[in-house]
C-alpha atoms as a PDB file:
ATOM      1  CA  UNK A   1      97.947  93.941  64.584  1.00  0.00           C
ATOM      2  CA  UNK A   2     101.837  92.973  64.662  1.00  0.00           C
ATOM      3  CA  UNK A   3     102.835  91.154  61.132  1.00  0.00           C
ATOM      4  CA  UNK A   4     106.369  89.438  60.146  1.00  0.00           C
ATOM      5  CA  UNK A   5     107.163  88.697  57.272  1.00  0.00           C
ATOM      6  CA  UNK A   6     103.799  89.196  55.064  1.00  0.00           C
ATOM      7  CA  UNK A   7     101.849  87.516  58.397  1.00  0.00           C
ATOM      8  CA  UNK A   8      99.503  88.993  60.601  1.00  0.00           C
ATOM      9  CA  UNK A   9      99.089  88.059  64.335  1.00  0.00           C
ATOM     10  CA  UNK A  10      95.782  88.372  65.579  1.00  0.00           C
ATOM     11  CA  UNK A  11      94.080  88.416  68.877  1.00  0.00           C
ATOM     12  CA  UNK A  12      91.091  88.342  70.986  1.00  0.00           C
ATOM     13  CA  UNK A  13      89.669  92.102  73.201  1.00  0.00           C
ATOM     14  CA  UNK A  14      90.189  92.395  76.275  1.00  0.00           C
ATOM     15  CA  UNK A  15      85.535  91.985  76.263  1.00  0.00           C
ATOM     16  CA  UNK A  16      86.868  88.447  76.062  1.00  0.00           C
ATOM     17  CA  UNK A  17      87.755  88.492  79.141  1.00  0.00           C
ATOM     18  CA  UNK A  18      84.863  85.803  81.603  1.00  0.00           C
ATOM     19  CA  UNK A  19      85.267  87.706  84.386  1.00  0.00           C
ATOM     20  CA  UNK A  20      81.409  85.755  84.775  1.00  0.00           C
ATOM     21  CA  UNK A  21      83.306  82.356  84.834  1.00  0.00           C
ATOM     22  CA  UNK A  22      84.092  83.839  88.454  1.00  0.00           C
ATOM     23  CA  UNK A  23      82.481  81.421  91.139  1.00  0.00           C
ATOM     24  CA  UNK A  24      82.626  82.314  94.836  1.00  0.00           C
ATOM     25  CA  UNK A  25      82.067  80.255  98.033  1.00  0.00           C
ATOM     26  CA  UNK A  26      80.206  81.139 101.514  1.00  0.00           C
ATOM     27  CA  UNK A  27      83.212  80.956 103.420  1.00  0.00           C
ATOM     28  CA  UNK A  28      82.856  81.904 107.473  1.00  0.00           C
ATOM     29  CA  UNK A  29      86.503  82.924 108.316  1.00  0.00           C
ATOM     30  CA  UNK A  30      87.794  86.466 107.670  1.00  0.00           C
ATOM     31  CA  UNK A  31      90.862  86.503 109.361  1.00  0.00           C
ATOM     32  CA  UNK A  32      92.722  83.322 107.639  1.00  0.00           C
ATOM     33  CA  UNK A  33      94.889  84.160 105.201  1.00  0.00           C
ATOM     34  CA  UNK A  34      94.363  82.638 101.922  1.00  0.00           C
ATOM     35  CA  UNK A  35      96.889  82.551  98.935  1.00  0.00           C
ATOM     36  CA  UNK A  36      96.898  80.608  95.819  1.00  0.00           C
ATOM     37  CA  UNK A  37      99.918  79.919  93.641  1.00  0.00           C
ATOM     38  CA  UNK A  38      99.843  80.090  89.648  1.00  0.00           C
ATOM     39  CA  UNK A  39     102.341  79.601  86.402  1.00  0.00           C
ATOM     40  CA  UNK A  40     100.036  78.744  83.891  1.00  0.00           C
ATOM     41  CA  UNK A  41      98.710  82.580  83.086  1.00  0.00           C
ATOM     42  CA  UNK A  42      99.198  83.391  79.611  1.00  0.00           C
ATOM     43  CA  UNK A  43      98.204  86.794  77.658  1.00  0.00           C
ATOM     44  CA  UNK A  44      98.910  88.104  74.240  1.00  0.00           C
ATOM     45  CA  UNK A  45     101.063  91.533  73.891  1.00  0.00           C
ATOM     46  CA  UNK A  46      99.545  93.925  72.222  1.00  0.00           C
ATOM     47  CA  UNK A  47     102.357  95.427  70.985  1.00  0.00           C
ATOM     48  CA  UNK A  48     105.072  92.434  69.405  1.00  0.00           C
ATOM     49  CA  UNK A  49     101.699  89.481  69.989  1.00  0.00           C
ATOM     50  CA  UNK A  50     103.139  88.194  71.664  1.00  0.00           C
ATOM     51  CA  UNK A  51     102.691  85.176  74.400  1.00  0.00           C
ATOM     52  CA  UNK A  52     102.971  87.324  78.079  1.00  0.00           C
ATOM     53  CA  UNK A  53     102.717  83.952  80.265  1.00  0.00           C
ATOM     54  CA  UNK A  54     102.954  84.630  84.434  1.00  0.00           C
ATOM     55  CA  UNK A  55     103.367  83.742  87.475  1.00  0.00           C
ATOM     56  CA  UNK A  56     100.054  85.328  89.815  1.00  0.00           C
ATOM     57  CA  UNK A  57      99.996  84.867  93.283  1.00  0.00           C
ATOM     58  CA  UNK A  58      96.633  85.840  94.676  1.00  0.00           C
ATOM     59  CA  UNK A  59      96.441  86.980  98.695  1.00  0.00           C
ATOM     60  CA  UNK A  60      93.820  87.827 100.530  1.00  0.00           C
ATOM     61  CA  UNK A  61      91.204  87.524 103.281  1.00  0.00           C
ATOM     62  CA  UNK A  62      87.821  86.799 102.861  1.00  0.00           C
ATOM     63  CA  UNK A  63      86.452  89.851 104.841  1.00  0.00           C
ATOM     64  CA  UNK A  64      83.079  89.640 102.619  1.00  0.00           C
ATOM     65  CA  UNK A  65      82.531  85.686 104.015  1.00  0.00           C
ATOM     66  CA  UNK A  66      83.502  84.451 100.546  1.00  0.00           C
ATOM     67  CA  UNK A  67      86.211  82.362  99.223  1.00  0.00           C
ATOM     68  CA  UNK A  68      87.036  82.359  95.266  1.00  0.00           C
ATOM     69  CA  UNK A  69      86.247  78.246  93.390  1.00  0.00           C
ATOM     70  CA  UNK A  70      89.962  77.104  92.336  1.00  0.00           C
ATOM     71  CA  UNK A  71      88.749  75.471  89.079  1.00  0.00           C
ATOM     72  CA  UNK A  72      86.239  78.897  88.139  1.00  0.00           C
ATOM     73  CA  UNK A  73      89.501  81.295  88.406  1.00  0.00           C
ATOM     74  CA  UNK A  74      91.325  79.024  86.607  1.00  0.00           C
ATOM     75  CA  UNK A  75      88.436  78.787  83.589  1.00  0.00           C
ATOM     76  CA  UNK A  76      88.707  82.423  84.480  1.00  0.00           C
ATOM     77  CA  UNK A  77      92.269  82.796  83.682  1.00  0.00           C
ATOM     78  CA  UNK A  78      91.910  80.580  80.564  1.00  0.00           C
ATOM     79  CA  UNK A  79      89.533  83.512  79.050  1.00  0.00           C
ATOM     80  CA  UNK A  80      92.806  85.954  78.153  1.00  0.00           C
ATOM     81  CA  UNK A  81      95.123  83.312  76.714  1.00  0.00           C
ATOM     82  CA  UNK A  82      94.514  85.393  73.457  1.00  0.00           C
ATOM     83  CA  UNK A  83      93.010  88.770  74.557  1.00  0.00           C
ATOM     84  CA  UNK A  84      95.731  91.393  73.865  1.00  0.00           C
ATOM     85  CA  UNK A  85      96.423  92.560  76.955  1.00  0.00           C
ATOM     86  CA  UNK A  86      99.711  94.505  78.881  1.00  0.00           C
ATOM     87  CA  UNK A  87     101.391  92.983  81.853  1.00  0.00           C
ATOM     88  CA  UNK A  88     100.633  95.845  84.040  1.00  0.00           C
ATOM     89  CA  UNK A  89      95.828  96.151  83.339  1.00  0.00           C
ATOM     90  CA  UNK A  90      96.357  92.471  83.269  1.00  0.00           C
ATOM     91  CA  UNK A  91      97.111  92.234  87.167  1.00  0.00           C
ATOM     92  CA  UNK A  92      94.361  95.455  87.492  1.00  0.00           C
ATOM     93  CA  UNK A  93      91.668  93.232  85.778  1.00  0.00           C
ATOM     94  CA  UNK A  94      92.653  90.620  87.895  1.00  0.00           C
ATOM     95  CA  UNK A  95      92.539  92.240  91.563  1.00  0.00           C
ATOM     96  CA  UNK A  96      89.675  94.116  90.425  1.00  0.00           C
ATOM     97  CA  UNK A  97      87.319  91.453  89.911  1.00  0.00           C
ATOM     98  CA  UNK A  98      88.606  89.406  92.609  1.00  0.00           C
ATOM     99  CA  UNK A  99      87.702  92.372  95.100  1.00  0.00           C
ATOM    100  CA  UNK A 100      84.220  92.256  93.776  1.00  0.00           C
ATOM    101  CA  UNK A 101      83.555  88.899  93.698  1.00  0.00           C
ATOM    102  CA  UNK A 102      85.090  88.267  97.098  1.00  0.00           C
ATOM    103  CA  UNK A 103      84.140  91.932  98.662  1.00  0.00           C
ATOM    104  CA  UNK A 104      87.030  92.306 100.534  1.00  0.00           C
ATOM    105  CA  UNK A 105      89.449  95.127 100.486  1.00  0.00           C
ATOM    106  CA  UNK A 106      92.616  92.932 102.496  1.00  0.00           C
ATOM    107  CA  UNK A 107      93.538  91.142  98.643  1.00  0.00           C
ATOM    108  CA  UNK A 108      96.892  91.757  96.738  1.00  0.00           C
ATOM    109  CA  UNK A 109      97.286  90.226  93.434  1.00  0.00           C
ATOM    110  CA  UNK A 110     100.652  90.320  91.367  1.00  0.00           C
ATOM    111  CA  UNK A 111     102.506  88.589  88.674  1.00  0.00           C
ATOM    112  CA  UNK A 112     106.115  87.957  87.910  1.00  0.00           C
ATOM    113  CA  UNK A 113     106.063  87.953  84.252  1.00  0.00           C
ATOM    114  CA  UNK A 114     108.107  85.326  81.967  1.00  0.00           C
ATOM    115  CA  UNK A 115     111.385  87.051  80.967  1.00  0.00           C
ATOM    116  CA  UNK A 116     111.669  88.284  77.537  1.00  0.00           C
ATOM    117  CA  UNK A 117     113.808  90.698  75.824  1.00  0.00           C
ATOM    118  CA  UNK A 118     116.454  90.257  79.164  1.00  0.00           C
ATOM    119  CA  UNK A 119     113.083  92.601  81.243  1.00  0.00           C
ATOM    120  CA  UNK A 120     111.891  91.325  84.266  1.00  0.00           C
ATOM    121  CA  UNK A 121     108.954  93.100  85.320  1.00  0.00           C
ATOM    122  CA  UNK A 122     106.893  92.232  88.853  1.00  0.00           C
ATOM    123  CA  UNK A 123     103.231  94.181  88.863  1.00  0.00           C
ATOM    124  CA  UNK A 124     101.788  93.843  91.357  1.00  0.00           C
ATOM    125  CA  UNK A 125      98.280  95.184  93.199  1.00  0.00           C
ATOM    126  CA  UNK A 126      96.514  95.563  96.899  1.00  0.00           C
ATOM    127  CA  UNK A 127      97.144  95.758 100.055  1.00  0.00           C
ATOM    128  CA  UNK A 128      97.080  93.151 103.276  1.00  0.00           C
ATOM    129  CA  UNK A 129      96.935  95.629 105.634  1.00  0.00           C
ATOM    130  CA  UNK A 130      92.830  96.638 107.245  1.00  0.00           C
END
């Protein structure tokens, strides 16, 4: 755990990420392009204990006949708030959870993290190609 002047910063483990919050809604439109964006994603750097805040872009085609219910997505993102997870891994977790929920291979998740220490990090996984 990170320390500063005798204080210990604590955070939750990845087991606190609530993929079970995600809900899908039936949708018939496998060729419709869907793009969801929010700048309200946050988790905790497990190295420093500092918050990692990101803009998330989710792009997908609902090949599996489902779309993600947006309020459930918001609660899912909130479950990351006190979790210690590296930026790259957070992106991978979101991608894998949504890919499984939506049953589509045409999905891409991109996270652009706020600059910290002069470093801008963008992580991206997935593809929209057939």
